[in-house]
Amino acid sequence: APGSGQTYRLIANGSALTEHVGKKLELTGVIEEASAASGSETATSGAANGPALRVKSGKVVANSCTP
């Protein structure tokens, strides 16, 4: 939720996300608890022991993260 301040690890195709570094994205997926968030996908940096978002789809909503 916007403004919630929660940090999630992203379980996604890292090469697909690389081209969007610095952009604001809207991601859709499934929240997984830390114990279930493992696998062969690349987990990007974030809260190492926190919940993870297994990304199913996404879109660019702004070319910059700054307001």
PDB file of N, CA and C in Angstrom:
ATOM      1  N   ALA A   1       0.842  -1.186   0.000  1.00  0.00           N
ATOM      2  CA  ALA A   1       0.000   0.000   0.000  1.00  0.00           C
ATOM      3  C   ALA A   1       0.879   1.239   0.000  1.00  0.00           C
ATOM      4  N   PRO A   2       0.526   2.241  -0.764  1.00  0.00           N
ATOM      5  CA  PRO A   2       1.333   3.464  -0.817  1.00  0.00           C
ATOM      6  C   PRO A   2       1.494   4.077   0.561  1.00  0.00           C
ATOM      7  N   GLY A   3       2.731   4.434   0.889  1.00  0.00           N
ATOM      8  CA  GLY A   3       3.000   5.083   2.155  1.00  0.00           C
ATOM      9  C   GLY A   3       3.095   4.152   3.346  1.00  0.00           C
ATOM     10  N   SER A   4       2.977   2.832   3.132  1.00  0.00           N
ATOM     11  CA  SER A   4       3.003   1.905   4.258  1.00  0.00           C
ATOM     12  C   SER A   4       4.410   1.713   4.806  1.00  0.00           C
ATOM     13  N   GLY A   5       5.417   1.926   3.969  1.00  0.00           N
ATOM     14  CA  GLY A   5       6.799   1.790   4.415  1.00  0.00           C
ATOM     15  C   GLY A   5       7.279   0.354   4.510  1.00  0.00           C
ATOM     16  N   GLN A   6       6.484  -0.612   4.110  1.00  0.00           N
ATOM     17  CA  GLN A   6       6.880  -2.018   4.165  1.00  0.00           C
ATOM     18  C   GLN A   6       7.865  -2.322   3.053  1.00  0.00           C
ATOM     19  N   THR A   7       8.888  -3.112   3.370  1.00  0.00           N
ATOM     20  CA  THR A   7       9.880  -3.525   2.384  1.00  0.00           C
ATOM     21  C   THR A   7       9.694  -4.997   2.070  1.00  0.00           C
ATOM     22  N   TYR A   8       9.750  -5.330   0.799  1.00  0.00           N
ATOM     23  CA  TYR A   8       9.607  -6.715   0.351  1.00  0.00           C
ATOM     24  C   TYR A   8      10.797  -7.091  -0.511  1.00  0.00           C
ATOM     25  N   ARG A   9      11.225  -8.336  -0.393  1.00  0.00           N
ATOM     26  CA  ARG A   9      12.180  -8.874  -1.369  1.00  0.00           C
ATOM     27  C   ARG A   9      11.382  -9.207  -2.612  1.00  0.00           C
ATOM     28  N   LEU A  10      12.001  -9.062  -3.765  1.00  0.00           N
ATOM     29  CA  LEU A  10      11.318  -9.409  -5.006  1.00  0.00           C
ATOM     30  C   LEU A  10      11.855 -10.725  -5.529  1.00  0.00           C
ATOM     31  N   ILE A  11      10.949 -11.640  -5.816  1.00  0.00           N
ATOM     32  CA  ILE A  11      11.313 -12.901  -6.450  1.00  0.00           C
ATOM     33  C   ILE A  11      10.858 -12.747  -7.892  1.00  0.00           C
ATOM     34  N   ALA A  12      11.838 -12.517  -8.762  1.00  0.00           N
ATOM     35  CA  ALA A  12      11.507 -12.186 -10.138  1.00  0.00           C
ATOM     36  C   ALA A  12      12.692 -12.501 -11.038  1.00  0.00           C
ATOM     37  N   ASN A  13      12.477 -12.350 -12.314  1.00  0.00           N
ATOM     38  CA  ASN A  13      13.547 -12.493 -13.289  1.00  0.00           C
ATOM     39  C   ASN A  13      14.411 -11.237 -13.191  1.00  0.00           C
ATOM     40  N   GLY A  14      15.592 -11.365 -12.605  1.00  0.00           N
ATOM     41  CA  GLY A  14      16.464 -10.220 -12.386  1.00  0.00           C
ATOM     42  C   GLY A  14      16.818  -9.472 -13.657  1.00  0.00           C
ATOM     43  N   SER A  15      17.029 -10.201 -14.751  1.00  0.00           N
ATOM     44  CA  SER A  15      17.390  -9.529 -16.006  1.00  0.00           C
ATOM     45  C   SER A  15      16.225  -8.703 -16.549  1.00  0.00           C
ATOM     46  N   ALA A  16      15.002  -9.105 -16.270  1.00  0.00           N
ATOM     47  CA  ALA A  16      13.847  -8.337 -16.721  1.00  0.00           C
ATOM     48  C   ALA A  16      13.703  -7.047 -15.916  1.00  0.00           C
ATOM     49  N   LEU A  17      14.104  -7.082 -14.640  1.00  0.00           N
ATOM     50  CA  LEU A  17      14.002  -5.899 -13.798  1.00  0.00           C
ATOM     51  C   LEU A  17      15.150  -4.915 -14.013  1.00  0.00           C
ATOM     52  N   THR A  18      16.314  -5.402 -14.441  1.00  0.00           N
ATOM     53  CA  THR A  18      17.506  -4.566 -14.579  1.00  0.00           C
ATOM     54  C   THR A  18      17.255  -3.339 -15.450  1.00  0.00           C
ATOM     55  N   GLU A  19      16.523  -3.498 -16.538  1.00  0.00           N
ATOM     56  CA  GLU A  19      16.283  -2.373 -17.437  1.00  0.00           C
ATOM     57  C   GLU A  19      15.402  -1.292 -16.824  1.00  0.00           C
ATOM     58  N   HIS A  20      14.777  -1.586 -15.676  1.00  0.00           N
ATOM     59  CA  HIS A  20      13.867  -0.634 -15.038  1.00  0.00           C
ATOM     60  C   HIS A  20      14.437  -0.016 -13.762  1.00  0.00           C
ATOM     61  N   VAL A  21      15.721  -0.200 -13.501  1.00  0.00           N
ATOM     62  CA  VAL A  21      16.341   0.373 -12.298  1.00  0.00           C
ATOM     63  C   VAL A  21      16.148   1.880 -12.317  1.00  0.00           C
ATOM     64  N   GLY A  22      15.681   2.437 -11.194  1.00  0.00           N
ATOM     65  CA  GLY A  22      15.466   3.873 -11.075  1.00  0.00           C
ATOM     66  C   GLY A  22      14.075   4.333 -11.484  1.00  0.00           C
ATOM     67  N   LYS A  23      13.277   3.425 -12.046  1.00  0.00           N
ATOM     68  CA  LYS A  23      11.918   3.772 -12.448  1.00  0.00           C
ATOM     69  C   LYS A  23      10.935   3.336 -11.371  1.00  0.00           C
ATOM     70  N   LYS A  24       9.761   3.930 -11.389  1.00  0.00           N
ATOM     71  CA  LYS A  24       8.698   3.543 -10.462  1.00  0.00           C
ATOM     72  C   LYS A  24       7.856   2.493 -11.156  1.00  0.00           C
ATOM     73  N   LEU A  25       7.736   1.325 -10.519  1.00  0.00           N
ATOM     74  CA  LEU A  25       6.995   0.210 -11.116  1.00  0.00           C
ATOM     75  C   LEU A  25       5.783  -0.141 -10.277  1.00  0.00           C
ATOM     76  N   GLU A  26       4.776  -0.669 -10.930  1.00  0.00           N
ATOM     77  CA  GLU A  26       3.628  -1.256 -10.246  1.00  0.00           C
ATOM     78  C   GLU A  26       3.725  -2.747 -10.491  1.00  0.00           C
ATOM     79  N   LEU A  27       3.960  -3.512  -9.418  1.00  0.00           N
ATOM     80  CA  LEU A  27       4.148  -4.953  -9.543  1.00  0.00           C
ATOM     81  C   LEU A  27       2.961  -5.697  -8.960  1.00  0.00           C
ATOM     82  N   THR A  28       2.599  -6.779  -9.607  1.00  0.00           N
ATOM     83  CA  THR A  28       1.506  -7.636  -9.151  1.00  0.00           C
ATOM     84  C   THR A  28       2.081  -9.022  -8.906  1.00  0.00           C
ATOM     85  N   GLY A  29       1.691  -9.631  -7.791  1.00  0.00           N
ATOM     86  CA  GLY A  29       2.183 -10.963  -7.506  1.00  0.00           C
ATOM     87  C   GLY A  29       1.575 -11.527  -6.248  1.00  0.00           C
ATOM     88  N   VAL A  30       2.289 -12.469  -5.656  1.00  0.00           N
ATOM     89  CA  VAL A  30       1.820 -13.174  -4.470  1.00  0.00           C
ATOM     90  C   VAL A  30       2.816 -12.949  -3.343  1.00  0.00           C
ATOM     91  N   ILE A  31       2.321 -12.565  -2.163  1.00  0.00           N
ATOM     92  CA  ILE A  31       3.176 -12.378  -0.995  1.00  0.00           C
ATOM     93  C   ILE A  31       3.511 -13.736  -0.409  1.00  0.00           C
ATOM     94  N   GLU A  32       4.791 -13.951  -0.128  1.00  0.00           N
ATOM     95  CA  GLU A  32       5.241 -15.195   0.500  1.00  0.00           C
ATOM     96  C   GLU A  32       6.010 -14.854   1.767  1.00  0.00           C
ATOM     97  N   GLU A  33       5.823 -15.650   2.787  1.00  0.00           N
ATOM     98  CA  GLU A  33       6.594 -15.460   4.011  1.00  0.00           C
ATOM     99  C   GLU A  33       8.033 -15.872   3.756  1.00  0.00           C
ATOM    100  N   ALA A  34       8.951 -15.410   4.587  1.00  0.00           N
ATOM    101  CA  ALA A  34      10.386 -15.630   4.382  1.00  0.00           C
ATOM    102  C   ALA A  34      10.731 -17.106   4.219  1.00  0.00           C
ATOM    103  N   SER A  35      10.103 -17.981   4.991  1.00  0.00           N
ATOM    104  CA  SER A  35      10.442 -19.401   4.933  1.00  0.00           C
ATOM    105  C   SER A  35      10.044 -20.036   3.605  1.00  0.00           C
ATOM    106  N   ALA A  36       9.016 -19.483   2.945  1.00  0.00           N
ATOM    107  CA  ALA A  36       8.537 -20.054   1.684  1.00  0.00           C
ATOM    108  C   ALA A  36       9.201 -19.405   0.475  1.00  0.00           C
ATOM    109  N   ALA A  37       9.876 -18.295   0.688  1.00  0.00           N
ATOM    110  CA  ALA A  37      10.441 -17.532  -0.431  1.00  0.00           C
ATOM    111  C   ALA A  37      11.831 -18.026  -0.783  1.00  0.00           C
ATOM    112  N   SER A  38      11.879 -19.145  -1.452  1.00  0.00           N
ATOM    113  CA  SER A  38      13.151 -19.663  -1.923  1.00  0.00           C
ATOM    114  C   SER A  38      12.930 -20.290  -3.284  1.00  0.00           C
ATOM    115  N   GLY A  39      14.006 -20.486  -4.006  1.00  0.00           N
ATOM    116  CA  GLY A  39      13.873 -21.071  -5.328  1.00  0.00           C
ATOM    117  C   GLY A  39      15.002 -20.620  -6.212  1.00  0.00           C
ATOM    118  N   SER A  40      14.894 -20.888  -7.495  1.00  0.00           N
ATOM    119  CA  SER A  40      15.978 -20.589  -8.419  1.00  0.00           C
ATOM    120  C   SER A  40      15.927 -19.165  -8.941  1.00  0.00           C
ATOM    121  N   GLU A  41      14.834 -18.438  -8.669  1.00  0.00           N
ATOM    122  CA  GLU A  41      14.737 -17.074  -9.159  1.00  0.00           C
ATOM    123  C   GLU A  41      15.712 -16.172  -8.414  1.00  0.00           C
ATOM    124  N   THR A  42      16.027 -15.064  -9.036  1.00  0.00           N
ATOM    125  CA  THR A  42      16.910 -14.082  -8.422  1.00  0.00           C
ATOM    126  C   THR A  42      16.109 -13.261  -7.419  1.00  0.00           C
ATOM    127  N   ALA A  43      16.583 -13.196  -6.206  1.00  0.00           N
ATOM    128  CA  ALA A  43      15.960 -12.342  -5.203  1.00  0.00           C
ATOM    129  C   ALA A  43      16.760 -11.053  -5.126  1.00  0.00           C
ATOM    130  N   THR A  44      16.113  -9.932  -5.406  1.00  0.00           N
ATOM    131  CA  THR A  44      16.811  -8.663  -5.379  1.00  0.00           C
ATOM    132  C   THR A  44      16.985  -8.195  -3.943  1.00  0.00           C
ATOM    133  N   SER A  45      17.812  -7.180  -3.757  1.00  0.00           N
ATOM    134  CA  SER A  45      18.122  -6.724  -2.413  1.00  0.00           C
ATOM    135  C   SER A  45      16.880  -6.218  -1.701  1.00  0.00           C
ATOM    136  N   GLY A  46      16.900  -6.285  -0.388  1.00  0.00           N
ATOM    137  CA  GLY A  46      15.768  -5.843   0.407  1.00  0.00           C
ATOM    138  C   GLY A  46      15.880  -6.434   1.790  1.00  0.00           C
ATOM    139  N   ALA A  47      14.776  -6.566   2.463  1.00  0.00           N
ATOM    140  CA  ALA A  47      14.763  -7.129   3.809  1.00  0.00           C
ATOM    141  C   ALA A  47      15.019  -8.631   3.709  1.00  0.00           C
ATOM    142  N   ALA A  48      16.193  -9.053   4.124  1.00  0.00           N
ATOM    143  CA  ALA A  48      16.612 -10.446   3.924  1.00  0.00           C
ATOM    144  C   ALA A  48      15.682 -11.436   4.606  1.00  0.00           C
ATOM    145  N   ASN A  49      15.132 -11.087   5.756  1.00  0.00           N
ATOM    146  CA  ASN A  49      14.296 -12.031   6.489  1.00  0.00           C
ATOM    147  C   ASN A  49      12.817 -11.666   6.442  1.00  0.00           C
ATOM    148  N   GLY A  50      12.473 -10.661   5.670  1.00  0.00           N
ATOM    149  CA  GLY A  50      11.087 -10.214   5.606  1.00  0.00           C
ATOM    150  C   GLY A  50      10.299 -10.955   4.555  1.00  0.00           C
ATOM    151  N   PRO A  51       9.064 -10.522   4.349  1.00  0.00           N
ATOM    152  CA  PRO A  51       8.225 -11.157   3.336  1.00  0.00           C
ATOM    153  C   PRO A  51       8.745 -10.861   1.936  1.00  0.00           C
ATOM    154  N   ALA A  52       8.345 -11.680   0.997  1.00  0.00           N
ATOM    155  CA  ALA A  52       8.776 -11.514  -0.381  1.00  0.00           C
ATOM    156  C   ALA A  52       7.555 -11.434  -1.282  1.00  0.00           C
ATOM    157  N   LEU A  53       7.715 -10.743  -2.407  1.00  0.00           N
ATOM    158  CA  LEU A  53       6.677 -10.678  -3.415  1.00  0.00           C
ATOM    159  C   LEU A  53       7.145 -11.476  -4.619  1.00  0.00           C
ATOM    160  N   ARG A  54       6.422 -12.564  -4.919  1.00  0.00           N
ATOM    161  CA  ARG A  54       6.724 -13.346  -6.120  1.00  0.00           C
ATOM    162  C   ARG A  54       6.024 -12.644  -7.273  1.00  0.00           C
ATOM    163  N   VAL A  55       6.804 -11.954  -8.090  1.00  0.00           N
ATOM    164  CA  VAL A  55       6.264 -11.095  -9.128  1.00  0.00           C
ATOM    165  C   VAL A  55       5.653 -11.917 -10.259  1.00  0.00           C
ATOM    166  N   LYS A  56       4.416 -11.585 -10.601  1.00  0.00           N
ATOM    167  CA  LYS A  56       3.715 -12.229 -11.716  1.00  0.00           C
ATOM    168  C   LYS A  56       3.687 -11.305 -12.932  1.00  0.00           C
ATOM    169  N   SER A  57       3.525 -10.009 -12.701  1.00  0.00           N
ATOM    170  CA  SER A  57       3.499  -9.043 -13.786  1.00  0.00           C
ATOM    171  C   SER A  57       3.838  -7.667 -13.240  1.00  0.00           C
ATOM    172  N   GLY A  58       4.102  -6.744 -14.131  1.00  0.00           N
ATOM    173  CA  GLY A  58       4.416  -5.402 -13.706  1.00  0.00           C
ATOM    174  C   GLY A  58       4.351  -4.423 -14.861  1.00  0.00           C
ATOM    175  N   LYS A  59       4.318  -3.151 -14.509  1.00  0.00           N
ATOM    176  CA  LYS A  59       4.338  -2.111 -15.523  1.00  0.00           C
ATOM    177  C   LYS A  59       5.027  -0.877 -14.957  1.00  0.00           C
ATOM    178  N   VAL A  60       5.617  -0.089 -15.836  1.00  0.00           N
ATOM    179  CA  VAL A  60       6.261   1.156 -15.444  1.00  0.00           C
ATOM    180  C   VAL A  60       5.179   2.214 -15.284  1.00  0.00           C
ATOM    181  N   VAL A  61       5.158   2.875 -14.116  1.00  0.00           N
ATOM    182  CA  VAL A  61       4.176   3.936 -13.887  1.00  0.00           C
ATOM    183  C   VAL A  61       4.820   5.321 -13.923  1.00  0.00           C
ATOM    184  N   ALA A  62       6.166   5.397 -13.782  1.00  0.00           N
ATOM    185  CA  ALA A  62       6.880   6.662 -13.888  1.00  0.00           C
ATOM    186  C   ALA A  62       8.326   6.368 -14.239  1.00  0.00           C
ATOM    187  N   ASN A  63       8.966   7.279 -14.936  1.00  0.00           N
ATOM    188  CA  ASN A  63      10.359   7.087 -15.324  1.00  0.00           C
ATOM    189  C   ASN A  63      11.331   7.420 -14.210  1.00  0.00           C
ATOM    190  N   SER A  64      10.816   7.860 -13.056  1.00  0.00           N
ATOM    191  CA  SER A  64      11.671   8.188 -11.915  1.00  0.00           C
ATOM    192  C   SER A  64      10.940   7.826 -10.636  1.00  0.00           C
ATOM    193  N   CYS A  65      11.711   7.448  -9.602  1.00  0.00           N
ATOM    194  CA  CYS A  65      11.115   7.142  -8.299  1.00  0.00           C
ATOM    195  C   CYS A  65      10.829   8.403  -7.497  1.00  0.00           C
ATOM    196  N   THR A  66      11.433   9.526  -7.875  1.00  0.00           N
ATOM    197  CA  THR A  66      11.247  10.757  -7.116  1.00  0.00           C
ATOM    198  C   THR A  66       9.926  11.423  -7.493  1.00  0.00           C
ATOM    199  N   PRO A  67       9.274  12.033  -6.516  1.00  0.00           N
ATOM    200  CA  PRO A  67       7.976  12.677  -6.782  1.00  0.00           C
ATOM    201  C   PRO A  67       8.100  13.871  -7.724  1.00  0.00           C
TER     202      PRO A  67
END
